[in-house]
Protein backbone atom coordinates (compact mmCIF):
# COMPACT_ATOMS: atom_id res chain seq x y z
CA MET A 1 17.90 24.01 -40.00
CA GLU A 2 21.69 22.48 -39.52
CA ASN A 3 22.27 22.82 -42.96
CA MET A 4 20.91 26.67 -42.94
CA LEU A 5 23.54 27.42 -39.91
CA LEU A 6 26.57 25.71 -41.60
CA HIS A 7 25.42 27.44 -44.76
CA SER A 8 25.52 31.05 -43.17
CA GLY A 9 29.10 30.30 -41.09
CA THR A 10 30.48 29.65 -44.79
CA VAL A 11 28.83 32.74 -45.86
CA PHE A 12 30.44 34.32 -42.98
CA MET A 13 33.48 33.58 -42.85
CA GLY A 14 33.98 33.38 -46.66
CA PHE A 15 33.27 37.52 -46.49
CA PHE A 16 35.63 37.77 -43.69
CA ALA A 17 38.28 36.44 -45.41
CA ILE A 18 38.08 38.57 -48.29
CA MET A 19 37.19 41.89 -46.37
CA ASN A 20 39.48 41.55 -43.84
CA PRO A 21 38.36 43.94 -41.45
CA ILE A 22 41.38 43.31 -38.77
CA ALA A 23 44.37 43.81 -41.38
CA ASN A 24 42.10 47.17 -42.97
CA ILE A 25 42.31 48.53 -39.36
CA PRO A 26 45.63 50.21 -39.98
CA VAL A 27 44.24 51.56 -43.21
CA PHE A 28 41.53 53.07 -41.61
CA LEU A 29 43.25 54.78 -38.79
CA GLY A 30 45.99 56.17 -41.41
CA LEU A 31 42.77 57.41 -43.63
CA THR A 32 41.11 58.87 -40.35
CA SER A 33 44.40 59.96 -38.45
CA ASP A 34 43.78 63.67 -38.55
CA ASP A 35 39.92 63.93 -37.28
CA ASP A 36 38.04 63.68 -34.37
CA GLN A 37 36.59 61.11 -33.00
CA GLN A 38 33.20 62.24 -34.23
CA THR A 39 34.10 62.41 -37.51
CA THR A 40 36.14 59.00 -37.47
CA LYS A 41 32.70 57.16 -36.24
CA ALA A 42 30.78 59.02 -39.20
CA VAL A 43 33.39 57.91 -41.87
CA ALA A 44 33.44 54.52 -40.57
CA PHE A 45 29.60 54.35 -40.58
CA GLN A 46 29.13 55.84 -44.03
CA SER A 47 31.63 53.53 -45.68
CA LEU A 48 30.12 50.35 -44.20
CA MET A 49 26.74 51.62 -45.14
CA LEU A 50 27.61 52.11 -48.56
CA ALA A 51 29.60 48.65 -48.81
CA PHE A 52 26.46 46.74 -47.67
CA THR A 53 24.28 48.52 -49.76
CA ILE A 54 26.64 47.37 -52.89
CA VAL A 55 26.74 43.97 -51.65
CA ALA A 56 23.17 43.79 -51.14
CA VAL A 57 22.16 45.18 -54.49
CA PHE A 58 24.79 42.42 -56.48
CA SER A 59 23.29 39.79 -54.47
CA LEU A 60 19.55 40.57 -54.93
CA ALA A 61 20.22 41.36 -58.63
CA GLY A 62 23.15 38.76 -59.39
CA LYS A 63 21.29 36.51 -61.43
CA VAL A 64 19.54 39.49 -63.03
CA ILE A 65 22.83 40.89 -63.94
CA LEU A 66 24.29 37.60 -65.48
CA ASP A 67 21.52 36.78 -68.12
CA LEU A 68 21.31 40.51 -69.10
CA PHE A 69 24.93 40.50 -69.85
CA GLY A 70 24.31 36.94 -71.32
CA ILE A 71 27.00 35.34 -68.49
CA THR A 72 26.78 31.96 -67.32
CA LEU A 73 27.53 31.16 -63.93
CA PRO A 74 30.14 28.79 -64.54
CA ALA A 75 32.01 31.47 -66.60
CA PHE A 76 31.37 34.08 -63.60
CA ARG A 77 32.85 31.39 -60.74
CA ILE A 78 35.50 30.63 -62.92
CA THR A 79 36.71 34.68 -63.31
CA GLY A 80 35.68 34.97 -59.53
CA GLY A 81 37.42 32.10 -58.26
CA LEU A 82 40.55 33.45 -60.32
CA LEU A 83 40.37 37.03 -58.87
CA VAL A 84 39.79 35.60 -55.23
CA PHE A 85 42.50 33.43 -55.07
CA LEU A 86 44.94 36.02 -56.54
CA ILE A 87 43.93 38.36 -53.76
CA GLY A 88 44.26 35.75 -51.06
CA PHE A 89 47.79 34.60 -52.64
CA HIS A 90 48.87 38.68 -52.36
CA MET A 91 47.76 38.20 -48.66
CA LEU A 92 49.95 35.44 -48.14
CA GLN A 93 52.90 37.04 -49.24
CA GLY A 94 51.71 39.62 -46.60
CA ASN A 95 50.88 42.37 -49.14
CA GLN A 96 47.81 43.61 -50.11
CA SER A 97 46.17 43.03 -53.61
CA SER A 98 46.23 45.47 -56.17
CA VAL A 99 42.52 46.26 -56.27
CA HIS A 100 42.49 46.63 -52.37
CA GLN A 101 45.55 49.01 -52.38
CA LEU A 102 45.60 52.65 -52.00
CA ASN A 103 47.62 54.80 -54.97
CA GLU A 104 49.29 57.97 -54.02
CA GLU A 105 45.87 60.08 -55.93
CA ASP A 106 43.47 58.40 -53.72
CA THR A 107 45.85 59.16 -50.69
CA LYS A 108 45.93 62.79 -51.71
CA LYS A 109 42.18 63.52 -52.03
CA SER A 110 41.45 61.44 -48.80
CA ARG A 111 43.12 64.27 -47.31
CA ASP A 112 41.35 66.90 -49.02
CA ALA A 113 38.03 65.88 -47.90
CA ALA A 114 37.81 63.76 -44.53
CA LEU A 115 34.57 62.46 -45.26
CA SER A 116 34.96 61.79 -49.04
CA VAL A 117 37.41 58.52 -47.62
CA ALA A 118 33.71 57.09 -46.97
CA VAL A 119 33.11 56.40 -50.44
CA SER A 120 36.66 55.88 -51.71
CA PRO A 121 38.86 54.38 -51.32
CA LEU A 122 37.21 53.02 -47.72
CA ALA A 123 33.66 51.39 -49.06
CA ILE A 124 35.16 50.96 -52.81
CA PRO A 125 37.52 49.09 -53.34
CA ILE A 126 38.64 48.18 -50.05
CA LEU A 127 35.26 47.02 -48.27
CA ALA A 128 33.31 46.46 -51.29
CA GLY A 129 35.87 45.68 -53.83
CA PRO A 130 35.48 43.09 -56.85
CA GLY A 131 36.18 40.23 -54.87
CA THR A 132 33.68 40.69 -52.46
CA ILE A 133 30.83 41.27 -55.34
CA ALA A 134 32.07 38.34 -56.82
CA THR A 135 31.56 36.19 -53.66
CA ALA A 136 28.48 37.99 -53.03
CA MET A 137 27.03 37.09 -56.53
CA ASN A 138 28.39 33.67 -56.33
CA LEU A 139 26.96 32.84 -53.46
CA SER A 140 23.43 34.42 -54.16
CA ALA A 141 23.59 33.23 -57.53
CA ARG A 142 23.81 29.11 -56.60
CA GLY A 143 20.29 29.44 -54.22
CA GLY A 144 16.96 30.72 -53.88
CA LEU A 145 15.75 33.27 -51.54
CA PRO A 146 16.64 31.86 -48.36
CA GLU A 147 20.40 31.85 -50.08
CA ILE A 148 20.19 35.91 -50.94
CA MET A 149 18.95 36.54 -47.59
CA VAL A 150 21.94 34.49 -46.07
CA THR A 151 24.02 36.31 -47.62
CA ILE A 152 22.70 39.79 -47.18
CA GLY A 153 22.57 39.01 -43.41
CA ALA A 154 25.93 37.48 -43.18
CA PHE A 155 27.69 40.86 -44.64
CA ALA A 156 25.28 42.92 -42.57
CA VAL A 157 26.70 41.22 -39.32
CA LEU A 158 30.06 41.46 -40.69
CA CYS A 159 29.71 45.60 -41.33
CA ILE A 160 28.35 45.79 -37.75
CA LEU A 161 31.94 43.88 -36.48
CA THR A 162 33.50 45.84 -38.53
CA TYR A 163 32.27 49.03 -37.31
CA VAL A 164 33.41 48.04 -33.84
CA LEU A 165 36.79 47.41 -35.03
CA PHE A 166 37.46 50.63 -36.81
CA VAL A 167 36.05 52.89 -34.18
CA SER A 168 38.33 50.72 -31.24
CA GLY A 169 41.03 50.60 -33.83
CA GLU A 170 43.86 52.07 -31.72
CA LYS A 171 43.41 49.97 -28.84
CA PHE A 172 42.90 46.97 -30.60
CA VAL A 173 46.01 47.07 -32.69
CA LYS A 174 47.95 47.77 -29.26
CA TYR A 175 46.63 44.89 -27.75
CA ILE A 176 47.24 42.21 -30.71
CA GLY A 177 50.51 43.90 -31.60
CA ALA A 178 51.80 44.62 -35.23
CA GLY A 179 53.14 40.82 -35.38
CA ALA A 180 49.98 39.38 -34.48
CA LEU A 181 48.26 41.17 -37.25
CA GLY A 182 50.80 39.86 -39.83
CA VAL A 183 49.76 36.28 -38.83
CA ILE A 184 46.11 37.07 -39.23
CA THR A 185 46.28 38.47 -42.69
CA ARG A 186 48.30 35.58 -43.86
CA MET A 187 45.71 32.98 -42.28
CA MET A 188 42.52 35.26 -44.11
CA GLY A 189 44.99 35.09 -47.21
CA LEU A 190 45.10 31.05 -46.99
CA ILE A 191 41.46 30.72 -46.46
CA LEU A 192 40.56 33.16 -49.12
CA ALA A 193 43.02 31.21 -51.69
CA VAL A 194 41.05 28.33 -50.78
CA ILE A 195 38.03 29.78 -51.20
CA GLY A 196 38.92 30.87 -54.85
CA THR A 197 40.02 27.66 -55.98
CA GLN A 198 36.81 25.97 -54.78
CA MET A 199 34.72 28.56 -56.71
CA LEU A 200 37.30 27.78 -59.99
CA ILE A 201 36.57 23.84 -59.30
CA GLU A 202 32.62 24.78 -59.09
CA GLY A 203 33.05 26.72 -62.65
CA VAL A 204 35.05 24.11 -64.27
CA LYS A 205 32.79 21.70 -63.38
CA GLY A 206 29.73 23.77 -64.18
CA ALA A 207 31.06 24.77 -68.00
CA PHE A 208 31.77 20.91 -68.55
CA ASN A 209 27.96 20.01 -67.92
CA LEU A 210 26.78 22.74 -69.78
CA ALA A 211 29.13 21.48 -72.71
CA GLY A 212 27.89 18.03 -72.26
């Protein structure tokens, strides 16, 4: 029981670091700045529901997807670890990785239709980007049904927390200040880089075991 609780905390913190809901508050506020409160809540809810669905599907079907494409778990862990490390490294520099960053085309489309931002770019790739999916598959593929349920449950709790942060974003940013927001982003980047390194180490060890 104690090991499962520890595992749950580790999974939650891993998802929290890579999805980084606190640092994404300004992004969400910018995308919904012209919307009323009802529309803002709808965008937050739809984007998080879609992100949760994506992560749940990849958590449940992680092993099937790997087998379908003939990908070994060590290879996936090495690639996923490099990807997660890269995102964390960019966050340590005070920047967002390109897999999370909005481009001009995304920004223009988000202004054309308010609810369309719930799908892109909010749900994909900001909330459920490649790094988040890689983390979910890596965490669920290493264990059985209990580990899969913990992975999905931890992400569900994070989605609820993110919804609260998004709908109360303006108050939160004013309360902690822009400086504190930058510090939190860098802290999450450090944690994320360490998680990516750990995934890479596990992948390399697994690859040597397969080769042996």
